[in-house]
C-alpha atoms as a PDB file:
ATOM      1  CA  MET A   1       5.203   4.494   3.896  1.00  0.00           C
ATOM      2  CA  THR A   2       7.126   5.244   6.930  1.00  0.00           C
ATOM      3  CA  VAL A   3       6.534   3.381  10.252  1.00  0.00           C
ATOM      4  CA  VAL A   4       7.387   5.065  13.571  1.00  0.00           C
ATOM      5  CA  GLY A   5       7.045   4.191  17.156  1.00  0.00           C
ATOM      6  CA  LEU A   6       6.086   6.594  19.924  1.00  0.00           C
ATOM      7  CA  GLY A   7       7.701   4.740  22.809  1.00  0.00           C
ATOM      8  CA  ILE A   8       6.256   4.060  26.202  1.00  0.00           C
ATOM      9  CA  GLN A   9       6.602   7.701  27.491  1.00  0.00           C
ATOM     10  CA  LEU A  10       5.124   9.390  24.469  1.00  0.00           C
ATOM     11  CA  VAL A  11       6.477  12.867  23.942  1.00  0.00           C
ATOM     12  CA  GLY A  12       9.376  12.156  26.087  1.00  0.00           C
ATOM     13  CA  GLN A  13      10.555   9.502  23.679  1.00  0.00           C
ATOM     14  CA  VAL A  14       9.622  10.892  20.385  1.00  0.00           C
ATOM     15  CA  THR A  15      12.545  12.069  18.401  1.00  0.00           C
ATOM     16  CA  LEU A  16      12.629  15.220  16.351  1.00  0.00           C
ATOM     17  CA  GLU A  17      12.863  13.149  13.182  1.00  0.00           C
ATOM     18  CA  THR A  18       9.556  11.069  14.294  1.00  0.00           C
ATOM     19  CA  ARG A  19       7.653  14.124  15.099  1.00  0.00           C
ATOM     20  CA  ALA A  20       8.608  15.785  11.715  1.00  0.00           C
ATOM     21  CA  GLU A  21       7.401  12.521   9.998  1.00  0.00           C
ATOM     22  CA  LEU A  22       4.215  12.577  11.907  1.00  0.00           C
ATOM     23  CA  GLU A  23       3.564  16.120  11.132  1.00  0.00           C
ATOM     24  CA  ALA A  24       4.242  15.785   7.526  1.00  0.00           C
ATOM     25  CA  ALA A  25       2.324  12.400   6.717  1.00  0.00           C
ATOM     26  CA  GLU A  26      -0.302  12.703   4.086  1.00  0.00           C
ATOM     27  CA  GLU A  27      -2.263  10.132   6.064  1.00  0.00           C
ATOM     28  CA  LEU A  28      -1.298   9.259   9.600  1.00  0.00           C
ATOM     29  CA  LEU A  29      -2.819   6.020  10.665  1.00  0.00           C
ATOM     30  CA  TYR A  30      -2.215   4.886  14.402  1.00  0.00           C
ATOM     31  CA  VAL A  31      -2.888   2.437  16.956  1.00  0.00           C
ATOM     32  CA  THR A  32      -2.646   3.381  20.590  1.00  0.00           C
ATOM     33  CA  PRO A  33      -4.506   2.559  23.879  1.00  0.00           C
ATOM     34  CA  ASP A  34      -3.483   6.056  25.265  1.00  0.00           C
ATOM     35  CA  PRO A  35      -6.030   8.718  24.995  1.00  0.00           C
ATOM     36  CA  VAL A  36      -3.373  11.425  25.559  1.00  0.00           C
ATOM     37  CA  ALA A  37      -1.377  10.050  22.648  1.00  0.00           C
ATOM     38  CA  GLU A  38      -4.482   9.912  20.473  1.00  0.00           C
ATOM     39  CA  THR A  39      -5.213  13.548  21.147  1.00  0.00           C
ATOM     40  CA  TRP A  40      -1.610  14.545  20.570  1.00  0.00           C
ATOM     41  CA  LEU A  41      -1.623  12.738  17.311  1.00  0.00           C
ATOM     42  CA  GLU A  42      -4.740  14.377  16.107  1.00  0.00           C
ATOM     43  CA  GLN A  43      -3.524  17.802  17.108  1.00  0.00           C
ATOM     44  CA  LEU A  44      -0.122  17.215  15.319  1.00  0.00           C
ATOM     45  CA  ASN A  45      -1.697  16.118  12.029  1.00  0.00           C
ATOM     46  CA  PRO A  46      -5.252  16.644  11.062  1.00  0.00           C
ATOM     47  CA  SER A  47      -5.215  13.609   8.797  1.00  0.00           C
ATOM     48  CA  ALA A  48      -4.649  11.418  11.870  1.00  0.00           C
ATOM     49  CA  ARG A  49      -6.981   8.367  11.940  1.00  0.00           C
ATOM     50  CA  SER A  50      -7.025   5.620  14.430  1.00  0.00           C
ATOM     51  CA  LEU A  51      -6.991   1.786  13.351  1.00  0.00           C
ATOM     52  CA  GLY A  52      -8.255   0.941  17.065  1.00  0.00           C
ATOM     53  CA  ALA A  53     -11.768   0.329  16.003  1.00  0.00           C
ATOM     54  CA  HIS A  54     -10.625  -3.019  14.583  1.00  0.00           C
ATOM     55  CA  TYR A  55     -10.106  -4.275  18.120  1.00  0.00           C
ATOM     56  CA  GLU A  56     -13.222  -6.080  19.295  1.00  0.00           C
ATOM     57  CA  PRO A  57     -13.756  -8.387  22.343  1.00  0.00           C
ATOM     58  CA  GLY A  58     -13.411 -12.003  21.288  1.00  0.00           C
ATOM     59  CA  ARG A  59     -11.913 -11.322  17.844  1.00  0.00           C
ATOM     60  CA  SER A  60      -8.681 -12.840  17.043  1.00  0.00           C
ATOM     61  CA  ARG A  61      -5.432 -10.921  16.450  1.00  0.00           C
ATOM     62  CA  HIS A  62      -5.223 -12.470  13.034  1.00  0.00           C
ATOM     63  CA  GLU A  63      -8.627 -11.119  12.190  1.00  0.00           C
ATOM     64  CA  ILE A  64      -7.802  -7.691  13.779  1.00  0.00           C
ATOM     65  CA  TYR A  65      -4.612  -7.357  11.833  1.00  0.00           C
ATOM     66  CA  SER A  66      -6.025  -8.499   8.643  1.00  0.00           C
ATOM     67  CA  ALA A  67      -8.823  -5.934   8.862  1.00  0.00           C
ATOM     68  CA  MET A  68      -6.077  -3.330   9.561  1.00  0.00           C
ATOM     69  CA  VAL A  69      -4.351  -4.211   6.479  1.00  0.00           C
ATOM     70  CA  ASP A  70      -7.498  -4.145   4.412  1.00  0.00           C
ATOM     71  CA  ASP A  71      -8.172  -0.730   5.817  1.00  0.00           C
ATOM     72  CA  ILE A  72      -4.706   0.635   5.042  1.00  0.00           C
END
């Protein structure tokens, strides 16, 4: 498993190495509140899948992160 961060400015802060990892990932799981980043990731790698659905109003972070771990 490789974990990368996109940075605050998305493409402007993504290194070539990070982009290569994102493109080559067998399964690309991500969490981002930015719809532009989401679209970019899904175009970059067809396997891209958001874990953002685990965020629900009133749900504790512990529950959210546990659900993400279970999903992964």
